[in-house]
Amino acid sequence: MKIYYVYILECADKTYYTGITSNLTKRLESHQWGTYKGSYTSTRRPVKLVFHCEFTDPNIAIESEKQIKKWSREKKKALIAGKNDTLPNLSKKKFRE
């Protein structure tokens, strides 16, 4: 059974990069080496793996990656910290009074 990984990297400039791969070790090496010139992480190295999760269904993995990419920085930080109970509250729009 093939495993797919959705992962978050913290870049040298403290931004986050979210990606998907079926070979996490090889993909992390390509980010660190700047293999893909012009990619988001190529000019933000070094990068550090701060989160990953595994999927057996590639379609669910792709949907999860797309969802996380849309999240705010605060919501990604909560996911990375394992504060899953706070994720729903971070999804709510904040209205000015």
C-alpha atoms as a PDB file:
ATOM      1  CA  MET A   1       0.000   0.000   0.000  1.00  0.00           C
ATOM      2  CA  LYS A   2       1.403   3.361  -1.024  1.00  0.00           C
ATOM      3  CA  ILE A   3       1.585   6.135   1.579  1.00  0.00           C
ATOM      4  CA  TYR A   4       1.122   9.806   0.757  1.00  0.00           C
ATOM      5  CA  TYR A   5       2.376  12.570   3.024  1.00  0.00           C
ATOM      6  CA  VAL A   6       1.025  16.064   3.489  1.00  0.00           C
ATOM      7  CA  TYR A   7       3.699  18.154   5.125  1.00  0.00           C
ATOM      8  CA  ILE A   8       4.464  21.650   6.351  1.00  0.00           C
ATOM      9  CA  LEU A   9       7.926  23.162   6.231  1.00  0.00           C
ATOM     10  CA  GLU A  10       9.049  26.213   8.135  1.00  0.00           C
ATOM     11  CA  CYS A  11      11.311  28.261   5.896  1.00  0.00           C
ATOM     12  CA  ALA A  12      14.295  30.362   6.956  1.00  0.00           C
ATOM     13  CA  ASP A  13      12.131  33.507   6.687  1.00  0.00           C
ATOM     14  CA  LYS A  14       9.598  31.919   9.109  1.00  0.00           C
ATOM     15  CA  THR A  15       6.954  31.384   6.417  1.00  0.00           C
ATOM     16  CA  TYR A  16       5.260  28.020   5.951  1.00  0.00           C
ATOM     17  CA  TYR A  17       5.214  25.845   2.865  1.00  0.00           C
ATOM     18  CA  THR A  18       2.649  23.039   2.528  1.00  0.00           C
ATOM     19  CA  GLY A  19       3.178  20.169   0.117  1.00  0.00           C
ATOM     20  CA  ILE A  20       2.348  16.582  -0.726  1.00  0.00           C
ATOM     21  CA  THR A  21       4.586  13.667  -1.682  1.00  0.00           C
ATOM     22  CA  SER A  22       4.815   9.882  -1.686  1.00  0.00           C
ATOM     23  CA  ASN A  23       8.496   9.984  -0.675  1.00  0.00           C
ATOM     24  CA  LEU A  24       8.950  12.363   2.229  1.00  0.00           C
ATOM     25  CA  THR A  25      12.703  11.875   2.655  1.00  0.00           C
ATOM     26  CA  LYS A  26      13.473  12.506  -1.021  1.00  0.00           C
ATOM     27  CA  ARG A  27      11.144  15.501  -1.167  1.00  0.00           C
ATOM     28  CA  LEU A  28      12.708  17.097   1.922  1.00  0.00           C
ATOM     29  CA  GLU A  29      16.156  16.662   0.394  1.00  0.00           C
ATOM     30  CA  SER A  30      15.025  18.375  -2.809  1.00  0.00           C
ATOM     31  CA  HIS A  31      13.714  21.320  -0.759  1.00  0.00           C
ATOM     32  CA  GLN A  32      16.978  21.546   1.213  1.00  0.00           C
ATOM     33  CA  TRP A  33      19.154  21.353  -1.903  1.00  0.00           C
ATOM     34  CA  GLY A  34      17.057  23.840  -3.863  1.00  0.00           C
ATOM     35  CA  THR A  35      16.602  21.296  -6.628  1.00  0.00           C
ATOM     36  CA  TYR A  36      13.719  23.183  -8.229  1.00  0.00           C
ATOM     37  CA  LYS A  37      15.028  26.654  -8.987  1.00  0.00           C
ATOM     38  CA  GLY A  38      12.342  29.292  -8.767  1.00  0.00           C
ATOM     39  CA  SER A  39      10.218  27.245  -6.373  1.00  0.00           C
ATOM     40  CA  TYR A  40       8.899  28.852  -3.192  1.00  0.00           C
ATOM     41  CA  THR A  41      11.444  27.192  -0.931  1.00  0.00           C
ATOM     42  CA  SER A  42      14.496  27.505  -3.183  1.00  0.00           C
ATOM     43  CA  THR A  43      15.257  31.020  -1.923  1.00  0.00           C
ATOM     44  CA  ARG A  44      14.021  30.406   1.631  1.00  0.00           C
ATOM     45  CA  ARG A  45      16.441  27.701   2.733  1.00  0.00           C
ATOM     46  CA  PRO A  46      17.175  26.078   5.012  1.00  0.00           C
ATOM     47  CA  VAL A  47      13.764  24.566   5.651  1.00  0.00           C
ATOM     48  CA  LYS A  48      12.615  22.497   8.600  1.00  0.00           C
ATOM     49  CA  LEU A  49       9.893  19.841   8.635  1.00  0.00           C
ATOM     50  CA  VAL A  50       7.439  20.921  11.325  1.00  0.00           C
ATOM     51  CA  PHE A  51       4.414  18.745  10.519  1.00  0.00           C
ATOM     52  CA  HIS A  52       3.409  15.751   8.452  1.00  0.00           C
ATOM     53  CA  CYS A  53       0.533  13.299   8.276  1.00  0.00           C
ATOM     54  CA  GLU A  54       0.037  10.100   6.291  1.00  0.00           C
ATOM     55  CA  PHE A  55      -2.719   9.060   3.909  1.00  0.00           C
ATOM     56  CA  THR A  56      -3.374   5.904   1.925  1.00  0.00           C
ATOM     57  CA  ASP A  57      -5.838   7.591  -0.434  1.00  0.00           C
ATOM     58  CA  PRO A  58      -4.124  10.088  -2.746  1.00  0.00           C
ATOM     59  CA  ASN A  59      -7.347  12.005  -3.340  1.00  0.00           C
ATOM     60  CA  ILE A  60      -7.861  12.650   0.365  1.00  0.00           C
ATOM     61  CA  ALA A  61      -4.204  13.675   0.676  1.00  0.00           C
ATOM     62  CA  ILE A  62      -4.575  16.167  -2.186  1.00  0.00           C
ATOM     63  CA  GLU A  63      -7.746  17.628  -0.674  1.00  0.00           C
ATOM     64  CA  SER A  64      -6.058  17.942   2.724  1.00  0.00           C
ATOM     65  CA  GLU A  65      -3.084  19.731   1.202  1.00  0.00           C
ATOM     66  CA  LYS A  66      -5.360  22.167  -0.642  1.00  0.00           C
ATOM     67  CA  GLN A  67      -7.326  22.821   2.544  1.00  0.00           C
ATOM     68  CA  ILE A  68      -4.242  23.480   4.682  1.00  0.00           C
ATOM     69  CA  LYS A  69      -2.763  25.809   2.039  1.00  0.00           C
ATOM     70  CA  LYS A  70      -5.818  28.053   2.461  1.00  0.00           C
ATOM     71  CA  TRP A  71      -5.476  28.238   6.243  1.00  0.00           C
ATOM     72  CA  SER A  72      -4.205  31.259   8.110  1.00  0.00           C
ATOM     73  CA  ARG A  73      -0.764  31.237   9.683  1.00  0.00           C
ATOM     74  CA  GLU A  74      -2.361  30.983  13.152  1.00  0.00           C
ATOM     75  CA  LYS A  75      -4.367  27.922  12.168  1.00  0.00           C
ATOM     76  CA  LYS A  76      -1.267  26.249  10.705  1.00  0.00           C
ATOM     77  CA  LYS A  77       0.628  27.012  13.916  1.00  0.00           C
ATOM     78  CA  ALA A  78      -2.132  25.341  15.946  1.00  0.00           C
ATOM     79  CA  LEU A  79      -1.995  22.258  13.712  1.00  0.00           C
ATOM     80  CA  ILE A  80       1.789  22.092  14.037  1.00  0.00           C
ATOM     81  CA  ALA A  81       1.498  22.423  17.837  1.00  0.00           C
ATOM     82  CA  GLY A  82      -1.080  19.623  17.957  1.00  0.00           C
ATOM     83  CA  LYS A  83      -3.799  21.934  19.263  1.00  0.00           C
ATOM     84  CA  ASN A  84      -6.502  20.281  17.176  1.00  0.00           C
ATOM     85  CA  ASP A  85      -9.255  21.381  19.557  1.00  0.00           C
ATOM     86  CA  THR A  86      -8.595  25.034  18.646  1.00  0.00           C
ATOM     87  CA  LEU A  87      -8.772  24.538  14.868  1.00  0.00           C
ATOM     88  CA  PRO A  88     -12.552  25.103  14.512  1.00  0.00           C
ATOM     89  CA  ASN A  89     -12.377  28.439  16.345  1.00  0.00           C
ATOM     90  CA  LEU A  90      -9.552  29.593  14.107  1.00  0.00           C
ATOM     91  CA  SER A  91     -11.779  28.968  11.095  1.00  0.00           C
ATOM     92  CA  LYS A  92     -14.457  31.422  12.122  1.00  0.00           C
ATOM     93  CA  LYS A  93     -14.456  34.847  10.550  1.00  0.00           C
ATOM     94  CA  LYS A  94     -13.692  37.648  12.911  1.00  0.00           C
ATOM     95  CA  PHE A  95     -16.123  40.522  12.649  1.00  0.00           C
ATOM     96  CA  ARG A  96     -15.356  44.065  13.676  1.00  0.00           C
ATOM     97  CA  GLU A  97     -17.716  45.573  16.195  1.00  0.00           C
END
